[in-house]
Amino acid sequence: MNQKAVILLVLLGVIGFARADEPDGETSPVVEVVNPSSGSDPMQDVNDPAPEAPAAPGDEASTPPASSAPAPSLPGADDAESGEDVTAPGEPAKPKTPRIDPQLRSYYLRGSKLGSPSGPNTLKKPKQSKRSGSWKSEVELGATGYRGNNDSELLLVRAKTERKKDEETIRLGVRASVGNKDGERDRENGEAEAAYRDVIRDRWYYTAEIRYFTDAIADVDYQFVSVLSPGYDAIKTDTAHLALEVGPAYIAEKKGGEEKNFAAARIAVMMDKLIDERVLVWERFEYLPALEDTGVYLILAEVGVETALTDWFRLRTVLQQRYDSTPAEDKDKQDLFLSASLVAVF
């Protein structure tokens, strides 16, 4: 084989090795001319590594030197749990990823904005609703228009607290109305109540209540009504509730200077309807006739609407009626209470 053919074969081999060794998208390979007089074999095996091409000026800063150290192992379970990124030798250090609160990890997996990868400083835990069994309270302040035995303007103050745990409910409440009567300040009426309710089975339940009422205008010194009734939730959905109660009651009262104690029956209907997320309407009706004389009875009725202004405040308007078939002497049988009030809940 002549000298020109040997040189041509050597050049072709060097070009092939250079192309196989260069990354995609880079410039053309550097050709190294081999002296045919040297002892190297021009027909070397294609599996032998090709000689490295000399680096161009300015490439030293961008290309890290080759390292003979073994490749780093994959990050283990501990690194995965801690959220730290493992950087290979020779690469610039990456900023550490902040730990995400484990309590919020489920929100992150569901794609919630709470799982923002910017770190725990920007993650806000959702508000925790009150636990089952905690007390929920409200304070009401408003004005009352009174029409009955006299015409007067009243100030209404009311407080109530309630606890629900599983199927058990306990409720405590007080209310007082004060105002002007014929230009003079007078205590109009007040009441207090304590109630307990528990589920028997499915929609069946029982309720026990005791109430106290007084009204200086109607000449009622006191009136105690105790109730023990089974009840049934005829309608019980997320937006509507209708309950019926029938059972015995006992009434002890003093009005017009005369004391009376008697057993009575009780029939009650309670309805609540949620119009939308912010408006609630309700109705209460009770009929308590005396067992010995059905001509002696007491009717209590109430219709109201409540609008949620914020999470803490509500606007409430209520119309109440008390009808006593045997009032004190020279007093009206029927009294109406109309009130509009602001309620704070907590």
Protein backbone atom coordinates (compact mmCIF):
# COMPACT_ATOMS: atom_id res chain seq x y z
CA MET A 1 0.00 0.00 0.00
CA ASN A 2 1.47 3.37 -0.97
CA GLN A 3 2.04 6.28 1.35
CA LYS A 4 -0.96 8.35 0.13
CA ALA A 5 -3.43 5.54 0.81
CA VAL A 6 -2.13 5.09 4.36
CA ILE A 7 -2.47 8.81 5.10
CA LEU A 8 -6.04 8.83 3.70
CA LEU A 9 -7.11 5.87 5.87
CA VAL A 10 -5.65 7.46 8.99
CA LEU A 11 -7.50 10.74 8.33
CA LEU A 12 -10.84 8.91 7.85
CA GLY A 13 -10.43 6.98 11.12
CA VAL A 14 -9.61 10.08 13.14
CA ILE A 15 -12.62 11.98 11.72
CA GLY A 16 -14.97 9.09 12.61
CA PHE A 17 -13.78 8.92 16.22
CA ALA A 18 -14.06 12.66 16.66
CA ARG A 19 -17.67 12.73 15.42
CA ALA A 20 -18.68 9.86 17.70
CA ASP A 21 -17.20 11.60 20.72
CA GLU A 22 -18.62 15.13 20.24
CA PRO A 23 -22.06 16.15 21.80
CA ASP A 24 -25.06 17.00 19.62
CA GLY A 25 -25.28 20.54 18.33
CA GLU A 26 -21.58 21.40 18.70
CA THR A 27 -19.18 22.57 16.01
CA SER A 28 -17.22 20.37 13.61
CA PRO A 29 -14.56 18.09 15.06
CA VAL A 30 -10.87 18.89 15.34
CA VAL A 31 -8.78 16.73 13.03
CA GLU A 32 -5.48 15.36 14.26
CA VAL A 33 -2.97 14.27 11.64
CA VAL A 34 -1.05 11.15 12.48
CA ASN A 35 2.50 10.72 11.27
CA PRO A 36 2.62 7.54 9.23
CA SER A 37 6.16 6.93 10.31
CA SER A 38 5.14 6.56 13.95
CA GLY A 39 4.59 3.16 15.52
CA SER A 40 0.83 3.56 15.88
CA ASP A 41 -1.51 1.32 13.95
CA PRO A 42 -3.50 3.35 11.46
CA MET A 43 -6.24 0.65 11.43
CA GLN A 44 -6.91 0.73 15.18
CA ASP A 45 -10.15 -0.80 16.59
CA VAL A 46 -13.15 1.48 16.52
CA ASN A 47 -13.86 0.66 20.18
CA ASP A 48 -10.58 2.29 21.33
CA PRO A 49 -11.09 5.80 22.74
CA ALA A 50 -10.19 8.62 20.43
CA PRO A 51 -7.65 11.19 21.51
CA GLU A 52 -9.15 14.23 23.17
CA ALA A 53 -9.39 17.34 21.10
CA PRO A 54 -7.67 20.43 22.51
CA ALA A 55 -10.05 22.80 24.28
CA ALA A 56 -10.74 26.11 22.65
CA PRO A 57 -9.73 29.29 24.48
CA GLY A 58 -12.36 30.36 27.03
CA ASP A 59 -13.88 26.87 27.42
CA GLU A 60 -12.12 26.10 30.67
CA ALA A 61 -14.61 28.10 32.72
CA SER A 62 -17.70 26.42 31.27
CA THR A 63 -16.43 22.82 31.12
CA PRO A 64 -15.62 21.21 34.47
CA PRO A 65 -12.55 18.99 34.61
CA ALA A 66 -13.11 15.27 34.39
CA SER A 67 -13.11 13.58 37.76
CA SER A 68 -11.91 10.10 38.49
CA ALA A 69 -14.15 9.86 41.61
CA PRO A 70 -17.04 7.38 41.47
CA ALA A 71 -20.50 8.68 40.54
CA PRO A 72 -22.57 9.79 43.54
CA SER A 73 -25.27 7.41 44.72
CA LEU A 74 -28.96 8.23 44.38
CA PRO A 75 -30.52 10.13 47.29
CA GLY A 76 -31.90 7.82 49.95
CA ALA A 77 -35.13 7.75 51.82
CA ASP A 78 -33.84 10.19 54.43
CA ASP A 79 -33.00 12.80 51.83
CA ALA A 80 -36.39 12.37 50.19
CA GLU A 81 -38.19 12.89 53.48
CA SER A 82 -36.14 15.93 54.43
CA GLY A 83 -36.79 17.58 51.08
CA GLU A 84 -33.05 18.32 50.48
CA ASP A 85 -31.69 18.23 46.94
CA VAL A 86 -28.48 16.22 46.34
CA THR A 87 -25.97 17.99 44.08
CA ALA A 88 -23.50 16.00 41.96
CA PRO A 89 -19.79 16.83 42.38
CA GLY A 90 -18.68 19.64 40.16
CA GLU A 91 -22.16 21.17 39.77
CA PRO A 92 -23.13 24.51 41.36
CA ALA A 93 -24.99 24.13 44.68
CA LYS A 94 -28.78 24.34 44.41
CA PRO A 95 -30.88 26.23 46.99
CA LYS A 96 -32.50 23.91 49.53
CA THR A 97 -36.22 23.33 49.12
CA PRO A 98 -38.07 24.35 52.33
CA ARG A 99 -39.89 21.60 54.20
CA ILE A 100 -43.65 21.50 53.71
CA ASP A 101 -45.76 21.08 56.81
CA PRO A 102 -46.88 17.41 56.85
CA GLN A 103 -50.33 18.56 57.89
CA LEU A 104 -50.63 20.41 54.58
CA ARG A 105 -49.14 17.69 52.39
CA SER A 106 -52.57 16.28 51.57
CA TYR A 107 -53.63 19.70 50.24
CA TYR A 108 -50.49 19.82 48.13
CA LEU A 109 -51.22 16.40 46.61
CA ARG A 110 -54.72 17.52 45.71
CA GLY A 111 -53.33 20.51 43.85
CA SER A 112 -54.50 23.09 46.36
CA LYS A 113 -52.90 26.52 46.49
CA LEU A 114 -52.02 25.75 50.08
CA GLY A 115 -49.34 23.44 48.74
CA SER A 116 -47.34 26.21 47.13
CA PRO A 117 -43.75 25.03 46.66
CA SER A 118 -42.46 28.41 47.82
CA GLY A 119 -42.20 27.01 51.30
CA PRO A 120 -43.99 26.83 54.65
CA ASN A 121 -43.83 30.55 55.26
CA THR A 122 -46.52 31.11 52.64
CA LEU A 123 -48.68 28.16 53.62
CA LYS A 124 -51.68 28.99 55.78
CA LYS A 125 -53.52 26.28 57.61
CA PRO A 126 -57.30 26.23 57.13
CA LYS A 127 -59.46 27.51 59.95
CA GLN A 128 -60.35 24.82 62.41
CA SER A 129 -64.06 24.68 63.18
CA LYS A 130 -65.07 24.29 66.79
CA ARG A 131 -64.73 20.76 68.01
CA SER A 132 -67.80 18.69 68.67
CA GLY A 133 -68.82 19.30 72.26
CA SER A 134 -67.59 22.91 72.47
CA TRP A 135 -69.94 25.71 73.49
CA LYS A 136 -71.23 28.15 70.86
CA SER A 137 -72.62 31.42 72.15
CA GLU A 138 -74.35 34.56 70.94
CA VAL A 139 -75.25 37.96 72.34
CA GLU A 140 -78.18 39.94 70.94
CA LEU A 141 -78.89 43.64 71.26
CA GLY A 142 -81.84 45.35 69.63
CA ALA A 143 -84.99 47.45 69.79
CA THR A 144 -88.45 46.05 70.43
CA GLY A 145 -91.85 47.50 69.53
CA TYR A 146 -94.46 46.46 72.10
CA ARG A 147 -98.19 46.57 71.31
CA GLY A 148 -100.73 45.12 73.74
CA ASN A 149 -101.64 46.34 77.20
CA ASN A 150 -99.78 49.52 76.44
CA ASP A 151 -97.64 51.08 73.72
CA SER A 152 -93.96 51.37 74.53
CA GLU A 153 -90.49 51.22 73.07
CA LEU A 154 -88.16 48.67 74.55
CA LEU A 155 -84.50 47.75 74.58
CA LEU A 156 -83.83 44.05 74.07
CA VAL A 157 -80.83 42.19 75.49
CA ARG A 158 -80.43 38.47 75.02
CA ALA A 159 -77.70 35.88 75.51
CA LYS A 160 -77.63 32.20 74.59
CA THR A 161 -75.09 29.41 74.69
CA GLU A 162 -75.41 25.95 73.21
CA ARG A 163 -73.36 22.76 73.10
CA LYS A 164 -73.80 19.93 70.61
CA LYS A 165 -71.95 16.68 71.07
CA ASP A 166 -72.83 13.77 68.81
CA GLU A 167 -76.65 13.62 69.06
CA GLU A 168 -76.88 15.47 72.37
CA THR A 169 -77.76 19.17 72.67
CA ILE A 170 -77.74 21.45 75.74
CA ARG A 171 -79.07 25.03 75.49
CA LEU A 172 -79.11 27.85 78.05
CA GLY A 173 -80.51 31.32 77.47
CA VAL A 174 -81.72 34.54 79.09
CA ARG A 175 -83.56 37.56 77.71
CA ALA A 176 -84.66 40.92 79.12
CA SER A 177 -86.63 43.86 77.71
CA VAL A 178 -86.58 47.31 79.28
CA GLY A 179 -87.97 50.61 78.04
CA ASN A 180 -90.25 53.56 78.63
CA LYS A 181 -93.85 53.34 79.73
CA ASP A 182 -95.81 56.56 79.57
CA GLY A 183 -92.56 58.49 79.78
CA GLU A 184 -91.23 56.46 82.70
CA ARG A 185 -88.54 53.77 82.52
CA ASP A 186 -89.87 50.39 83.55
CA ARG A 187 -88.82 46.76 83.35
CA GLU A 188 -91.13 45.16 80.84
CA ASN A 189 -90.43 41.45 80.72
CA GLY A 190 -87.76 38.82 81.00
CA GLU A 191 -87.31 35.09 80.57
CA ALA A 192 -84.79 32.30 81.03
CA GLU A 193 -84.61 28.76 79.74
CA ALA A 194 -82.65 25.54 80.03
CA ALA A 195 -83.18 22.73 77.51
CA TYR A 196 -81.78 19.29 76.85
CA ARG A 197 -82.30 17.13 73.75
CA ASP A 198 -81.02 13.66 72.88
CA VAL A 199 -81.70 11.22 70.05
CA ILE A 200 -83.50 7.99 70.84
CA ARG A 201 -83.28 6.30 67.45
CA ASP A 202 -82.99 7.55 63.87
CA ARG A 203 -85.28 10.62 63.74
CA TRP A 204 -86.87 10.05 67.14
CA TYR A 205 -85.65 12.09 70.09
CA TYR A 206 -86.79 13.43 73.44
CA THR A 207 -86.51 16.89 74.94
CA ALA A 208 -86.66 18.24 78.50
CA GLU A 209 -87.08 21.98 79.11
CA ILE A 210 -87.75 24.39 81.94
CA ARG A 211 -88.65 28.05 81.32
CA TYR A 212 -89.19 31.09 83.42
CA PHE A 213 -91.15 34.18 82.32
CA THR A 214 -92.11 37.45 84.02
CA ASP A 215 -93.94 40.53 82.71
CA ALA A 216 -94.65 43.57 84.85
CA ILE A 217 -97.01 45.09 82.26
CA ALA A 218 -99.17 41.95 82.06
CA ASP A 219 -99.01 41.59 85.87
CA VAL A 220 -97.27 38.22 85.65
CA ASP A 221 -94.99 37.83 88.64
CA TYR A 222 -93.67 34.51 87.39
CA GLN A 223 -94.60 31.64 85.13
CA PHE A 224 -92.69 28.36 85.11
CA VAL A 225 -93.27 25.87 82.31
CA SER A 226 -91.61 22.45 82.50
CA VAL A 227 -91.72 20.13 79.48
CA LEU A 228 -90.85 16.49 78.83
CA SER A 229 -91.79 15.47 75.30
CA PRO A 230 -90.82 12.92 72.68
CA GLY A 231 -90.23 14.37 69.25
CA TYR A 232 -89.87 13.36 65.62
CA ASP A 233 -87.85 15.04 62.85
CA ALA A 234 -90.32 14.84 59.96
CA ILE A 235 -87.90 16.67 57.63
CA LYS A 236 -84.17 16.73 58.22
CA THR A 237 -81.98 17.90 55.34
CA ASP A 238 -79.05 20.29 54.90
CA THR A 239 -81.42 23.19 54.15
CA ALA A 240 -84.68 22.34 55.95
CA HIS A 241 -85.81 20.97 59.31
CA LEU A 242 -89.33 20.23 60.52
CA ALA A 243 -89.89 18.73 63.99
CA LEU A 244 -93.05 17.70 65.84
CA GLU A 245 -93.32 17.28 69.63
CA VAL A 246 -96.22 15.98 71.71
CA GLY A 247 -96.08 15.33 75.45
CA PRO A 248 -96.95 16.46 78.96
CA ALA A 249 -96.13 19.80 80.58
CA TYR A 250 -96.55 21.40 83.97
CA ILE A 251 -97.26 25.10 84.56
CA ALA A 252 -96.78 27.03 87.82
CA GLU A 253 -97.60 30.74 87.72
CA LYS A 254 -98.57 33.79 89.68
CA LYS A 255 -100.42 36.53 87.83
CA GLY A 256 -102.72 39.21 89.18
CA GLY A 257 -101.68 38.16 92.68
CA GLU A 258 -103.18 34.67 92.22
CA GLU A 259 -101.13 31.47 92.13
CA LYS A 260 -102.02 28.52 89.90
CA ASN A 261 -100.39 25.15 89.32
CA PHE A 262 -101.75 22.68 86.78
CA ALA A 263 -100.76 19.90 84.41
CA ALA A 264 -101.11 20.50 80.68
CA ALA A 265 -100.61 18.80 77.37
CA ARG A 266 -98.15 20.20 74.84
CA ILE A 267 -98.19 20.19 71.06
CA ALA A 268 -95.28 21.92 69.31
CA VAL A 269 -94.16 22.45 65.72
CA MET A 270 -90.70 23.82 64.86
CA MET A 271 -89.51 24.67 61.37
CA ASP A 272 -86.20 26.03 60.04
CA LYS A 273 -85.48 26.80 56.39
CA LEU A 274 -82.16 27.96 54.93
CA ILE A 275 -83.00 30.18 51.95
CA ASP A 276 -79.38 30.48 50.86
CA GLU A 277 -75.99 30.51 52.54
CA ARG A 278 -76.78 33.71 54.43
CA VAL A 279 -80.55 33.83 55.06
CA LEU A 280 -82.42 31.65 57.57
CA VAL A 281 -86.15 31.74 58.35
CA TRP A 282 -87.85 29.86 61.19
CA GLU A 283 -91.20 29.31 62.87
CA ARG A 284 -92.18 28.06 66.34
CA PHE A 285 -95.66 27.19 67.56
CA GLU A 286 -96.72 25.74 70.92
CA TYR A 287 -100.15 24.95 72.30
CA LEU A 288 -100.46 24.08 76.00
CA PRO A 289 -104.04 23.33 77.15
CA ALA A 290 -104.75 22.44 80.78
CA LEU A 291 -105.77 18.82 81.25
CA GLU A 292 -108.54 19.64 83.77
CA ASP A 293 -110.03 22.52 81.78
CA THR A 294 -109.32 22.87 78.07
CA GLY A 295 -110.63 26.44 78.23
CA VAL A 296 -107.41 27.35 80.04
CA TYR A 297 -104.51 27.33 77.62
CA LEU A 298 -101.38 29.14 76.53
CA ILE A 299 -100.24 29.71 72.93
CA LEU A 300 -96.68 30.73 72.10
CA ALA A 301 -95.77 31.57 68.50
CA GLU A 302 -92.70 33.04 66.83
CA VAL A 303 -91.65 33.86 63.27
CA GLY A 304 -88.18 35.16 62.45
CA VAL A 305 -85.64 35.82 59.73
CA GLU A 306 -81.88 36.06 60.21
CA THR A 307 -79.26 37.33 57.76
CA ALA A 308 -75.54 36.68 58.17
CA LEU A 309 -73.61 39.91 57.69
CA THR A 310 -70.17 38.46 58.47
CA ASP A 311 -68.82 35.40 60.22
CA TRP A 312 -69.31 37.20 63.52
CA PHE A 313 -72.46 39.32 63.11
CA ARG A 314 -76.05 38.65 62.06
CA LEU A 315 -79.15 40.77 61.62
CA ARG A 316 -82.25 39.24 63.21
CA THR A 317 -85.93 40.27 62.98
CA VAL A 318 -88.49 38.42 65.12
CA LEU A 319 -92.25 38.64 65.67
CA GLN A 320 -93.45 36.93 68.87
CA GLN A 321 -96.94 36.34 70.20
CA ARG A 322 -98.10 35.21 73.64
CA TYR A 323 -101.78 34.38 74.04
CA ASP A 324 -103.06 33.59 77.53
CA SER A 325 -106.74 32.57 77.69
CA THR A 326 -106.94 33.59 81.38
CA PRO A 327 -104.90 36.78 81.82
CA ALA A 328 -104.69 38.85 84.96
CA GLU A 329 -107.61 41.11 85.67
CA ASP A 330 -107.98 44.04 83.27
CA LYS A 331 -105.15 42.74 81.06
CA ASP A 332 -105.26 41.75 77.42
CA LYS A 333 -105.06 38.11 76.39
CA GLN A 334 -102.65 38.74 73.54
CA ASP A 335 -99.25 40.44 73.54
CA LEU A 336 -97.10 41.01 70.45
CA PHE A 337 -93.32 41.57 70.43
CA LEU A 338 -91.56 42.85 67.32
CA SER A 339 -87.80 43.23 67.48
CA ALA A 340 -84.93 43.98 65.13
CA SER A 341 -81.51 43.30 66.60
CA LEU A 342 -77.83 42.78 65.89
CA VAL A 343 -76.41 39.44 67.01
CA ALA A 344 -72.76 38.69 67.72
CA VAL A 345 -71.79 35.01 67.57
CA PHE A 346 -68.66 33.38 68.96
